[in-house]
PDB file of N, CA and C in Angstrom:
ATOM      1  N   UNK A   1      -2.552  -6.595  27.646  1.00  0.00           N
ATOM      2  CA  UNK A   1      -1.568  -5.881  26.974  1.00  0.00           C
ATOM      3  C   UNK A   1      -2.771  -4.548  27.405  1.00  0.00           C
ATOM      4  N   UNK A   2      -1.784  -2.990  27.544  1.00  0.00           N
ATOM      5  CA  UNK A   2      -3.066  -1.491  28.465  1.00  0.00           C
ATOM      6  C   UNK A   2      -3.062  -1.098  26.865  1.00  0.00           C
ATOM      7  N   UNK A   3      -3.780  -0.614  27.408  1.00  0.00           N
ATOM      8  CA  UNK A   3      -5.252  -0.183  26.355  1.00  0.00           C
ATOM      9  C   UNK A   3      -4.633   1.239  26.249  1.00  0.00           C
ATOM     10  N   UNK A   4      -4.511   2.148  24.611  1.00  0.00           N
ATOM     11  CA  UNK A   4      -3.658   3.186  25.048  1.00  0.00           C
ATOM     12  C   UNK A   4      -4.578   4.471  25.066  1.00  0.00           C
ATOM     13  N   UNK A   5      -4.540   5.283  25.591  1.00  0.00           N
ATOM     14  CA  UNK A   5      -4.895   6.457  26.841  1.00  0.00           C
ATOM     15  C   UNK A   5      -5.941   7.474  25.507  1.00  0.00           C
ATOM     16  N   UNK A   6      -6.969   7.776  25.671  1.00  0.00           N
ATOM     17  CA  UNK A   6      -7.611   9.464  24.825  1.00  0.00           C
ATOM     18  C   UNK A   6      -6.540   9.259  24.158  1.00  0.00           C
ATOM     19  N   UNK A   7      -4.960  10.095  24.407  1.00  0.00           N
ATOM     20  CA  UNK A   7      -4.923  11.100  23.980  1.00  0.00           C
ATOM     21  C   UNK A   7      -4.010  10.353  22.237  1.00  0.00           C
ATOM     22  N   UNK A   8      -3.831   9.195  23.237  1.00  0.00           N
ATOM     23  CA  UNK A   8      -2.896   8.692  22.145  1.00  0.00           C
ATOM     24  C   UNK A   8      -3.439   7.666  21.191  1.00  0.00           C
ATOM     25  N   UNK A   9      -5.610   7.406  21.258  1.00  0.00           N
ATOM     26  CA  UNK A   9      -6.171   7.017  20.174  1.00  0.00           C
ATOM     27  C   UNK A   9      -6.541   8.371  19.547  1.00  0.00           C
ATOM     28  N   UNK A  10      -6.205   9.606  19.826  1.00  0.00           N
ATOM     29  CA  UNK A  10      -6.387  10.504  19.321  1.00  0.00           C
ATOM     30  C   UNK A  10      -5.806  11.001  17.742  1.00  0.00           C
ATOM     31  N   UNK A  11      -3.981  10.759  18.791  1.00  0.00           N
ATOM     32  CA  UNK A  11      -2.964  10.991  18.119  1.00  0.00           C
ATOM     33  C   UNK A  11      -3.620   9.780  16.383  1.00  0.00           C
ATOM     34  N   UNK A  12      -3.498   8.603  17.111  1.00  0.00           N
ATOM     35  CA  UNK A  12      -3.579   7.849  16.073  1.00  0.00           C
ATOM     36  C   UNK A  12      -4.774   8.486  15.097  1.00  0.00           C
ATOM     37  N   UNK A  13      -5.404   9.035  15.255  1.00  0.00           N
ATOM     38  CA  UNK A  13      -6.959   8.598  14.580  1.00  0.00           C
ATOM     39  C   UNK A  13      -6.550   9.774  13.722  1.00  0.00           C
ATOM     40  N   UNK A  14      -5.049  11.518  13.784  1.00  0.00           N
ATOM     41  CA  UNK A  14      -5.427  12.055  12.794  1.00  0.00           C
ATOM     42  C   UNK A  14      -4.102  11.494  12.529  1.00  0.00           C
ATOM     43  N   UNK A  15      -2.847  11.176  12.872  1.00  0.00           N
ATOM     44  CA  UNK A  15      -2.089  10.259  11.274  1.00  0.00           C
ATOM     45  C   UNK A  15      -2.669   9.312  10.764  1.00  0.00           C
ATOM     46  N   UNK A  16      -3.912   8.852  10.727  1.00  0.00           N
ATOM     47  CA  UNK A  16      -4.610   7.544   9.607  1.00  0.00           C
ATOM     48  C   UNK A  16      -5.789   8.712   9.205  1.00  0.00           C
ATOM     49  N   UNK A  17      -6.160   9.763   9.568  1.00  0.00           N
ATOM     50  CA  UNK A  17      -6.286  11.513   8.037  1.00  0.00           C
ATOM     51  C   UNK A  17      -5.533  11.821   7.394  1.00  0.00           C
ATOM     52  N   UNK A  18      -4.555  11.587   8.104  1.00  0.00           N
ATOM     53  CA  UNK A  18      -3.522  12.456   7.485  1.00  0.00           C
ATOM     54  C   UNK A  18      -3.122  11.585   6.304  1.00  0.00           C
ATOM     55  N   UNK A  19      -3.144  10.892   6.328  1.00  0.00           N
ATOM     56  CA  UNK A  19      -2.460   9.061   5.635  1.00  0.00           C
ATOM     57  C   UNK A  19      -4.174   9.143   4.454  1.00  0.00           C
ATOM     58  N   UNK A  20      -5.050   9.446   4.793  1.00  0.00           N
ATOM     59  CA  UNK A  20      -6.034   8.967   4.251  1.00  0.00           C
ATOM     60  C   UNK A  20      -6.311  10.918   3.040  1.00  0.00           C
ATOM     61  N   UNK A  21      -6.239  11.395   3.850  1.00  0.00           N
ATOM     62  CA  UNK A  21      -5.827  12.803   3.038  1.00  0.00           C
ATOM     63  C   UNK A  21      -4.962  12.629   1.683  1.00  0.00           C
ATOM     64  N   UNK A  22      -3.769  12.169   1.903  1.00  0.00           N
ATOM     65  CA  UNK A  22      -2.872  12.622   1.229  1.00  0.00           C
ATOM     66  C   UNK A  22      -3.155  10.792   0.992  1.00  0.00           C
ATOM     67  N   UNK A  23      -3.600  10.050   0.536  1.00  0.00           N
ATOM     68  CA  UNK A  23      -3.804   9.469  -0.980  1.00  0.00           C
ATOM     69  C   UNK A  23      -5.238   9.801  -1.542  1.00  0.00           C
ATOM     70  N   UNK A  24      -5.950  10.786  -0.707  1.00  0.00           N
ATOM     71  CA  UNK A  24      -6.447  10.901  -1.336  1.00  0.00           C
ATOM     72  C   UNK A  24      -6.394  11.772  -2.419  1.00  0.00           C
ATOM     73  N   UNK A  25      -5.452  12.522  -2.189  1.00  0.00           N
ATOM     74  CA  UNK A  25      -4.567  14.267  -3.531  1.00  0.00           C
ATOM     75  C   UNK A  25      -3.862  12.898  -4.204  1.00  0.00           C
ATOM     76  N   UNK A  26      -3.469  12.438  -4.517  1.00  0.00           N
ATOM     77  CA  UNK A  26      -3.092  10.798  -5.146  1.00  0.00           C
ATOM     78  C   UNK A  26      -3.340  10.409  -6.052  1.00  0.00           C
ATOM     79  N   UNK A  27      -5.206  10.303  -5.306  1.00  0.00           N
ATOM     80  CA  UNK A  27      -6.437   9.756  -6.250  1.00  0.00           C
ATOM     81  C   UNK A  27      -7.101  10.675  -7.380  1.00  0.00           C
ATOM     82  N   UNK A  28      -7.243  11.463  -7.103  1.00  0.00           N
ATOM     83  CA  UNK A  28      -7.523  13.313  -7.306  1.00  0.00           C
ATOM     84  C   UNK A  28      -6.854  12.819  -8.625  1.00  0.00           C
ATOM     85  N   UNK A  29      -5.374  12.664  -8.675  1.00  0.00           N
ATOM     86  CA  UNK A  29      -5.166  13.201 -10.265  1.00  0.00           C
ATOM     87  C   UNK A  29      -4.764  11.956 -10.948  1.00  0.00           C
ATOM     88  N   UNK A  30      -5.337  10.403 -10.144  1.00  0.00           N
ATOM     89  CA  UNK A  30      -5.801  10.144 -12.163  1.00  0.00           C
ATOM     90  C   UNK A  30      -7.314  10.265 -11.651  1.00  0.00           C
ATOM     91  N   UNK A  31      -7.685  11.410 -11.846  1.00  0.00           N
ATOM     92  CA  UNK A  31      -9.581  11.008 -11.850  1.00  0.00           C
ATOM     93  C   UNK A  31      -9.460  12.704 -12.510  1.00  0.00           C
ATOM     94  N   UNK A  32      -7.637  12.993 -13.067  1.00  0.00           N
ATOM     95  CA  UNK A  32      -8.473  14.341 -13.425  1.00  0.00           C
ATOM     96  C   UNK A  32      -7.750  14.172 -15.027  1.00  0.00           C
ATOM     97  N   UNK A  33      -8.724  14.861 -16.065  1.00  0.00           N
ATOM     98  CA  UNK A  33      -9.295  14.761 -17.753  1.00  0.00           C
ATOM     99  C   UNK A  33      -7.776  14.503 -18.169  1.00  0.00           C
ATOM    100  N   UNK A  34      -7.164  15.551 -17.834  1.00  0.00           N
ATOM    101  CA  UNK A  34      -6.700  16.297 -18.838  1.00  0.00           C
ATOM    102  C   UNK A  34      -4.955  16.364 -18.533  1.00  0.00           C
ATOM    103  N   UNK A  35      -3.872  15.552 -18.575  1.00  0.00           N
ATOM    104  CA  UNK A  35      -2.809  15.556 -17.587  1.00  0.00           C
ATOM    105  C   UNK A  35      -1.801  16.518 -19.100  1.00  0.00           C
ATOM    106  N   UNK A  36      -0.452  17.002 -17.937  1.00  0.00           N
ATOM    107  CA  UNK A  36       0.007  18.367 -18.832  1.00  0.00           C
ATOM    108  C   UNK A  36       1.834  16.530 -18.441  1.00  0.00           C
ATOM    109  N   UNK A  37       1.965  17.285 -19.496  1.00  0.00           N
ATOM    110  CA  UNK A  37       3.429  16.196 -18.899  1.00  0.00           C
ATOM    111  C   UNK A  37       4.035  15.931 -17.641  1.00  0.00           C
ATOM    112  N   UNK A  38       3.765  16.885 -16.763  1.00  0.00           N
ATOM    113  CA  UNK A  38       4.227  17.268 -15.640  1.00  0.00           C
ATOM    114  C   UNK A  38       3.651  16.289 -14.650  1.00  0.00           C
ATOM    115  N   UNK A  39       2.086  16.662 -14.608  1.00  0.00           N
ATOM    116  CA  UNK A  39       1.324  15.452 -14.353  1.00  0.00           C
ATOM    117  C   UNK A  39       2.011  14.162 -14.413  1.00  0.00           C
ATOM    118  N   UNK A  40       2.308  13.789 -16.323  1.00  0.00           N
ATOM    119  CA  UNK A  40       2.734  12.232 -16.201  1.00  0.00           C
ATOM    120  C   UNK A  40       3.419  12.283 -15.524  1.00  0.00           C
ATOM    121  N   UNK A  41       4.258  12.743 -15.251  1.00  0.00           N
ATOM    122  CA  UNK A  41       5.305  12.674 -14.434  1.00  0.00           C
ATOM    123  C   UNK A  41       5.300  12.094 -12.982  1.00  0.00           C
ATOM    124  N   UNK A  42       4.881  13.007 -12.250  1.00  0.00           N
ATOM    125  CA  UNK A  42       4.124  12.587 -10.840  1.00  0.00           C
ATOM    126  C   UNK A  42       3.911  11.658 -11.413  1.00  0.00           C
ATOM    127  N   UNK A  43       2.537  11.114 -12.068  1.00  0.00           N
ATOM    128  CA  UNK A  43       1.994   9.782 -12.030  1.00  0.00           C
ATOM    129  C   UNK A  43       2.741   8.790 -11.813  1.00  0.00           C
ATOM    130  N   UNK A  44       4.016   9.280 -13.407  1.00  0.00           N
ATOM    131  CA  UNK A  44       4.986   7.962 -12.612  1.00  0.00           C
ATOM    132  C   UNK A  44       5.466   7.468 -11.646  1.00  0.00           C
ATOM    133  N   UNK A  45       5.356   8.623 -11.050  1.00  0.00           N
ATOM    134  CA  UNK A  45       6.636   8.826  -8.990  1.00  0.00           C
ATOM    135  C   UNK A  45       5.347   8.563  -8.742  1.00  0.00           C
ATOM    136  N   UNK A  46       3.721   8.534  -8.528  1.00  0.00           N
ATOM    137  CA  UNK A  46       3.747   8.422  -7.790  1.00  0.00           C
ATOM    138  C   UNK A  46       4.126   6.515  -8.237  1.00  0.00           C
ATOM    139  N   UNK A  47       3.325   5.591  -8.695  1.00  0.00           N
ATOM    140  CA  UNK A  47       3.541   4.323  -8.713  1.00  0.00           C
ATOM    141  C   UNK A  47       4.673   4.064  -8.276  1.00  0.00           C
ATOM    142  N   UNK A  48       5.315   4.704  -8.978  1.00  0.00           N
ATOM    143  CA  UNK A  48       6.964   3.893  -7.492  1.00  0.00           C
ATOM    144  C   UNK A  48       7.156   4.249  -6.330  1.00  0.00           C
ATOM    145  N   UNK A  49       6.039   5.611  -6.440  1.00  0.00           N
ATOM    146  CA  UNK A  49       6.223   5.935  -4.444  1.00  0.00           C
ATOM    147  C   UNK A  49       4.702   4.999  -3.873  1.00  0.00           C
ATOM    148  N   UNK A  50       4.419   4.130  -4.785  1.00  0.00           N
ATOM    149  CA  UNK A  50       3.260   3.169  -3.902  1.00  0.00           C
ATOM    150  C   UNK A  50       4.066   1.730  -3.835  1.00  0.00           C
ATOM    151  N   UNK A  51       4.574   1.781  -5.149  1.00  0.00           N
ATOM    152  CA  UNK A  51       5.356   0.545  -4.913  1.00  0.00           C
ATOM    153  C   UNK A  51       6.283   0.179  -4.093  1.00  0.00           C
ATOM    154  N   UNK A  52       7.000   1.586  -3.292  1.00  0.00           N
ATOM    155  CA  UNK A  52       8.139   1.666  -2.484  1.00  0.00           C
ATOM    156  C   UNK A  52       7.253   1.011  -0.915  1.00  0.00           C
ATOM    157  N   UNK A  53       5.913   1.577  -1.269  1.00  0.00           N
ATOM    158  CA  UNK A  53       5.168   1.506   0.130  1.00  0.00           C
ATOM    159  C   UNK A  53       5.048   0.141   0.269  1.00  0.00           C
ATOM    160  N   UNK A  54       4.363  -0.113  -0.771  1.00  0.00           N
ATOM    161  CA  UNK A  54       3.991  -1.716  -0.700  1.00  0.00           C
ATOM    162  C   UNK A  54       5.070  -3.145  -0.642  1.00  0.00           C
ATOM    163  N   UNK A  55       6.044  -2.691  -1.244  1.00  0.00           N
ATOM    164  CA  UNK A  55       7.219  -3.923  -0.891  1.00  0.00           C
ATOM    165  C   UNK A  55       7.820  -2.929   0.558  1.00  0.00           C
ATOM    166  N   UNK A  56       7.576  -2.406   1.216  1.00  0.00           N
ATOM    167  CA  UNK A  56       8.389  -1.974   2.536  1.00  0.00           C
ATOM    168  C   UNK A  56       7.383  -3.338   3.919  1.00  0.00           C
ATOM    169  N   UNK A  57       6.019  -3.280   3.322  1.00  0.00           N
ATOM    170  CA  UNK A  57       4.509  -3.483   4.353  1.00  0.00           C
ATOM    171  C   UNK A  57       5.450  -5.241   4.330  1.00  0.00           C
ATOM    172  N   UNK A  58       6.085  -5.449   2.089  1.00  0.00           N
ATOM    173  CA  UNK A  58       5.668  -6.942   2.627  1.00  0.00           C
ATOM    174  C   UNK A  58       7.643  -6.750   3.062  1.00  0.00           C
ATOM    175  N   UNK A  59       7.930  -6.253   2.986  1.00  0.00           N
ATOM    176  CA  UNK A  59       9.316  -6.715   3.986  1.00  0.00           C
ATOM    177  C   UNK A  59       9.330  -6.453   5.079  1.00  0.00           C
ATOM    178  N   UNK A  60       8.283  -6.250   6.039  1.00  0.00           N
ATOM    179  CA  UNK A  60       8.294  -5.960   7.587  1.00  0.00           C
ATOM    180  C   UNK A  60       7.203  -7.385   7.829  1.00  0.00           C
ATOM    181  N   UNK A  61       6.468  -7.298   7.571  1.00  0.00           N
ATOM    182  CA  UNK A  61       5.599  -8.437   7.644  1.00  0.00           C
ATOM    183  C   UNK A  61       5.676 -10.000   6.873  1.00  0.00           C
ATOM    184  N   UNK A  62       6.987 -10.327   7.430  1.00  0.00           N
ATOM    185  CA  UNK A  62       7.478 -11.750   6.627  1.00  0.00           C
ATOM    186  C   UNK A  62       7.394 -13.044   7.958  1.00  0.00           C
ATOM    187  N   UNK A  63       7.437 -14.023   7.814  1.00  0.00           N
ATOM    188  CA  UNK A  63       7.721 -14.931   8.938  1.00  0.00           C
ATOM    189  C   UNK A  63       8.854 -14.606   9.435  1.00  0.00           C
ATOM    190  N   UNK A  64       8.832 -15.004  11.139  1.00  0.00           N
ATOM    191  CA  UNK A  64       9.488 -14.299  12.107  1.00  0.00           C
ATOM    192  C   UNK A  64      10.972 -15.929  11.659  1.00  0.00           C
ATOM    193  N   UNK A  65      12.183 -15.613  12.298  1.00  0.00           N
ATOM    194  CA  UNK A  65      13.757 -16.693  12.178  1.00  0.00           C
ATOM    195  C   UNK A  65      12.489 -18.495  12.205  1.00  0.00           C
ATOM    196  N   UNK A  66      12.783 -19.404  11.590  1.00  0.00           N
ATOM    197  CA  UNK A  66      12.087 -20.504  12.104  1.00  0.00           C
ATOM    198  C   UNK A  66      11.135 -20.408  12.431  1.00  0.00           C
ATOM    199  N   UNK A  67      10.580 -19.909  12.534  1.00  0.00           N
ATOM    200  CA  UNK A  67       8.838 -19.997  12.649  1.00  0.00           C
ATOM    201  C   UNK A  67       8.149 -19.672  11.383  1.00  0.00           C
ATOM    202  N   UNK A  68       6.684 -19.956  11.980  1.00  0.00           N
ATOM    203  CA  UNK A  68       5.696 -19.668  10.755  1.00  0.00           C
ATOM    204  C   UNK A  68       4.519 -18.575  11.177  1.00  0.00           C
ATOM    205  N   UNK A  69       4.967 -17.648  12.176  1.00  0.00           N
ATOM    206  CA  UNK A  69       4.589 -16.255  12.498  1.00  0.00           C
ATOM    207  C   UNK A  69       4.289 -14.921  11.640  1.00  0.00           C
ATOM    208  N   UNK A  70       4.133 -13.682  11.617  1.00  0.00           N
ATOM    209  CA  UNK A  70       4.474 -12.777  11.163  1.00  0.00           C
ATOM    210  C   UNK A  70       5.651 -11.666  11.901  1.00  0.00           C
ATOM    211  N   UNK A  71       6.527 -11.132  12.256  1.00  0.00           N
ATOM    212  CA  UNK A  71       7.536 -10.972  12.380  1.00  0.00           C
ATOM    213  C   UNK A  71       6.653  -9.593  13.517  1.00  0.00           C
ATOM    214  N   UNK A  72       5.578  -8.787  12.371  1.00  0.00           N
ATOM    215  CA  UNK A  72       5.472  -7.397  13.026  1.00  0.00           C
ATOM    216  C   UNK A  72       4.119  -7.830  13.303  1.00  0.00           C
ATOM    217  N   UNK A  73       3.046  -8.556  12.929  1.00  0.00           N
ATOM    218  CA  UNK A  73       2.224  -9.320  13.507  1.00  0.00           C
ATOM    219  C   UNK A  73       1.521 -10.028  14.740  1.00  0.00           C
ATOM    220  N   UNK A  74       2.349 -11.017  15.225  1.00  0.00           N
ATOM    221  CA  UNK A  74       2.194 -11.985  15.245  1.00  0.00           C
ATOM    222  C   UNK A  74       1.507 -12.861  15.129  1.00  0.00           C
ATOM    223  N   UNK A  75       0.988 -12.691  13.395  1.00  0.00           N
ATOM    224  CA  UNK A  75      -0.715 -13.727  13.629  1.00  0.00           C
ATOM    225  C   UNK A  75       0.610 -14.705  12.606  1.00  0.00           C
ATOM    226  N   UNK A  76      -0.909 -15.761  12.500  1.00  0.00           N
ATOM    227  CA  UNK A  76      -0.075 -17.010  11.175  1.00  0.00           C
ATOM    228  C   UNK A  76       0.081 -16.979   9.840  1.00  0.00           C
ATOM    229  N   UNK A  77       1.602 -16.870   9.516  1.00  0.00           N
ATOM    230  CA  UNK A  77       1.729 -15.823   8.226  1.00  0.00           C
ATOM    231  C   UNK A  77       1.153 -16.745   7.500  1.00  0.00           C
ATOM    232  N   UNK A  78       1.071 -16.371   5.898  1.00  0.00           N
ATOM    233  CA  UNK A  78       0.907 -14.770   5.905  1.00  0.00           C
ATOM    234  C   UNK A  78       0.020 -14.148   6.529  1.00  0.00           C
ATOM    235  N   UNK A  79      -0.045 -13.156   7.139  1.00  0.00           N
ATOM    236  CA  UNK A  79      -0.681 -12.150   8.295  1.00  0.00           C
ATOM    237  C   UNK A  79      -1.942 -12.025   6.739  1.00  0.00           C
ATOM    238  N   UNK A  80      -2.771 -10.984   8.085  1.00  0.00           N
ATOM    239  CA  UNK A  80      -3.740 -10.254   7.064  1.00  0.00           C
ATOM    240  C   UNK A  80      -3.357  -9.088   6.582  1.00  0.00           C
ATOM    241  N   UNK A  81      -1.954  -8.800   6.485  1.00  0.00           N
ATOM    242  CA  UNK A  81      -1.406  -7.480   6.346  1.00  0.00           C
ATOM    243  C   UNK A  81      -1.279  -8.559   4.773  1.00  0.00           C
ATOM    244  N   UNK A  82      -0.334  -9.005   4.408  1.00  0.00           N
ATOM    245  CA  UNK A  82       0.128  -9.856   2.819  1.00  0.00           C
ATOM    246  C   UNK A  82      -0.798 -10.444   2.228  1.00  0.00           C
ATOM    247  N   UNK A  83      -2.205 -10.834   3.089  1.00  0.00           N
ATOM    248  CA  UNK A  83      -2.794 -11.882   1.756  1.00  0.00           C
ATOM    249  C   UNK A  83      -3.888 -10.247   1.328  1.00  0.00           C
ATOM    250  N   UNK A  84      -4.402  -8.909   2.353  1.00  0.00           N
ATOM    251  CA  UNK A  84      -4.882  -8.075   1.893  1.00  0.00           C
ATOM    252  C   UNK A  84      -3.695  -7.174   0.405  1.00  0.00           C
ATOM    253  N   UNK A  85      -2.398  -6.953   0.586  1.00  0.00           N
ATOM    254  CA  UNK A  85      -1.493  -7.286  -0.489  1.00  0.00           C
ATOM    255  C   UNK A  85      -2.024  -8.504  -2.168  1.00  0.00           C
ATOM    256  N   UNK A  86      -1.654  -9.199  -1.288  1.00  0.00           N
ATOM    257  CA  UNK A  86      -2.225 -10.422  -2.240  1.00  0.00           C
ATOM    258  C   UNK A  86      -2.960 -10.306  -3.083  1.00  0.00           C
ATOM    259  N   UNK A  87      -4.175  -9.705  -2.298  1.00  0.00           N
ATOM    260  CA  UNK A  87      -5.794  -9.845  -3.413  1.00  0.00           C
ATOM    261  C   UNK A  87      -6.059  -8.720  -4.198  1.00  0.00           C
ATOM    262  N   UNK A  88      -5.392  -7.227  -3.786  1.00  0.00           N
ATOM    263  CA  UNK A  88      -5.111  -5.919  -4.154  1.00  0.00           C
ATOM    264  C   UNK A  88      -4.205  -5.964  -5.720  1.00  0.00           C
ATOM    265  N   UNK A  89      -3.196  -6.697  -5.074  1.00  0.00           N
ATOM    266  CA  UNK A  89      -2.894  -7.011  -6.401  1.00  0.00           C
ATOM    267  C   UNK A  89      -2.034  -7.438  -6.962  1.00  0.00           C
ATOM    268  N   UNK A  90      -2.793  -9.154  -6.930  1.00  0.00           N
ATOM    269  CA  UNK A  90      -2.753 -10.071  -7.958  1.00  0.00           C
ATOM    270  C   UNK A  90      -4.544  -9.891  -8.452  1.00  0.00           C
ATOM    271  N   UNK A  91      -4.929  -8.876  -7.779  1.00  0.00           N
ATOM    272  CA  UNK A  91      -6.651  -9.044  -8.281  1.00  0.00           C
ATOM    273  C   UNK A  91      -6.875  -8.076 -10.341  1.00  0.00           C
ATOM    274  N   UNK A  92      -7.719  -9.127 -11.007  1.00  0.00           N
ATOM    275  CA  UNK A  92      -6.977  -9.150 -12.601  1.00  0.00           C
ATOM    276  C   UNK A  92      -7.809  -8.098 -13.025  1.00  0.00           C
ATOM    277  N   UNK A  93      -8.821  -7.751 -12.451  1.00  0.00           N
ATOM    278  CA  UNK A  93      -9.709  -7.182 -12.002  1.00  0.00           C
ATOM    279  C   UNK A  93      -9.523  -5.422 -11.575  1.00  0.00           C
ATOM    280  N   UNK A  94      -7.927  -5.738 -10.541  1.00  0.00           N
ATOM    281  CA  UNK A  94      -7.817  -4.139 -11.221  1.00  0.00           C
ATOM    282  C   UNK A  94      -6.387  -3.324 -12.114  1.00  0.00           C
ATOM    283  N   UNK A  95      -6.338  -2.448 -12.140  1.00  0.00           N
ATOM    284  CA  UNK A  95      -5.298  -1.563 -12.682  1.00  0.00           C
ATOM    285  C   UNK A  95      -3.825  -2.021 -12.665  1.00  0.00           C
ATOM    286  N   UNK A  96      -3.563  -2.603 -11.761  1.00  0.00           N
ATOM    287  CA  UNK A  96      -2.180  -2.385 -10.971  1.00  0.00           C
ATOM    288  C   UNK A  96      -1.768  -4.348 -11.698  1.00  0.00           C
ATOM    289  N   UNK A  97      -2.693  -5.001 -11.938  1.00  0.00           N
ATOM    290  CA  UNK A  97      -2.544  -6.188 -12.214  1.00  0.00           C
ATOM    291  C   UNK A  97      -2.446  -5.886 -13.896  1.00  0.00           C
ATOM    292  N   UNK A  98      -3.386  -4.498 -14.705  1.00  0.00           N
ATOM    293  CA  UNK A  98      -3.386  -4.926 -16.085  1.00  0.00           C
ATOM    294  C   UNK A  98      -1.762  -4.692 -16.781  1.00  0.00           C
ATOM    295  N   UNK A  99      -1.673  -3.114 -15.297  1.00  0.00           N
ATOM    296  CA  UNK A  99       0.318  -2.554 -15.677  1.00  0.00           C
ATOM    297  C   UNK A  99       1.339  -3.507 -15.776  1.00  0.00           C
ATOM    298  N   UNK A 100       0.822  -4.887 -14.633  1.00  0.00           N
ATOM    299  CA  UNK A 100       2.236  -5.639 -14.967  1.00  0.00           C
ATOM    300  C   UNK A 100       2.285  -6.391 -15.564  1.00  0.00           C
ATOM    301  N   UNK A 101       0.833  -6.980 -15.769  1.00  0.00           N
ATOM    302  CA  UNK A 101       0.692  -7.676 -16.986  1.00  0.00           C
ATOM    303  C   UNK A 101       1.056  -7.428 -18.608  1.00  0.00           C
ATOM    304  N   UNK A 102       1.195  -5.642 -18.542  1.00  0.00           N
ATOM    305  CA  UNK A 102       1.151  -5.418 -19.978  1.00  0.00           C
ATOM    306  C   UNK A 102       2.839  -4.995 -19.573  1.00  0.00           C
ATOM    307  N   UNK A 103       3.190  -4.636 -18.721  1.00  0.00           N
ATOM    308  CA  UNK A 103       4.936  -4.883 -19.086  1.00  0.00           C
ATOM    309  C   UNK A 103       5.331  -6.299 -19.495  1.00  0.00           C
ATOM    310  N   UNK A 104       5.193  -7.086 -18.939  1.00  0.00           N
ATOM    311  CA  UNK A 104       5.342  -8.237 -19.028  1.00  0.00           C
ATOM    312  C   UNK A 104       5.095  -9.004 -20.450  1.00  0.00           C
ATOM    313  N   UNK A 105       4.357  -8.480 -20.974  1.00  0.00           N
ATOM    314  CA  UNK A 105       4.145  -9.105 -22.664  1.00  0.00           C
ATOM    315  C   UNK A 105       5.326  -8.021 -23.451  1.00  0.00           C
ATOM    316  N   UNK A 106       5.538  -6.849 -22.957  1.00  0.00           N
ATOM    317  CA  UNK A 106       5.953  -5.679 -24.112  1.00  0.00           C
ATOM    318  C   UNK A 106       7.504  -6.298 -23.293  1.00  0.00           C
ATOM    319  N   UNK A 107       7.822  -7.260 -22.354  1.00  0.00           N
ATOM    320  CA  UNK A 107       8.642  -7.147 -21.598  1.00  0.00           C
ATOM    321  C   UNK A 107       9.679  -7.718 -22.246  1.00  0.00           C
TER     322      UNK A 107
END
């Protein structure tokens, strides 16, 4: 496997930093003590968007046809990405889990 050039590594770093800033801005919304109706609408959309992202990762990180390895990582499935998503989504100490449980109870 070829080693990426320094320019490409810098580009990857900038992309990662841009994504971190975007996520930090979304997290900032959660820390606001006074939400307007518009903030509530944005939070609802943010949940939808985050579910879309997680679902997209799961769709991409699946087993190869007839195999046991991830189509993206080529690691044994479940790959590290699927394991991480599972850990975060199913952790009873996290709010996503609590939100889903509340929906099941009321559903």
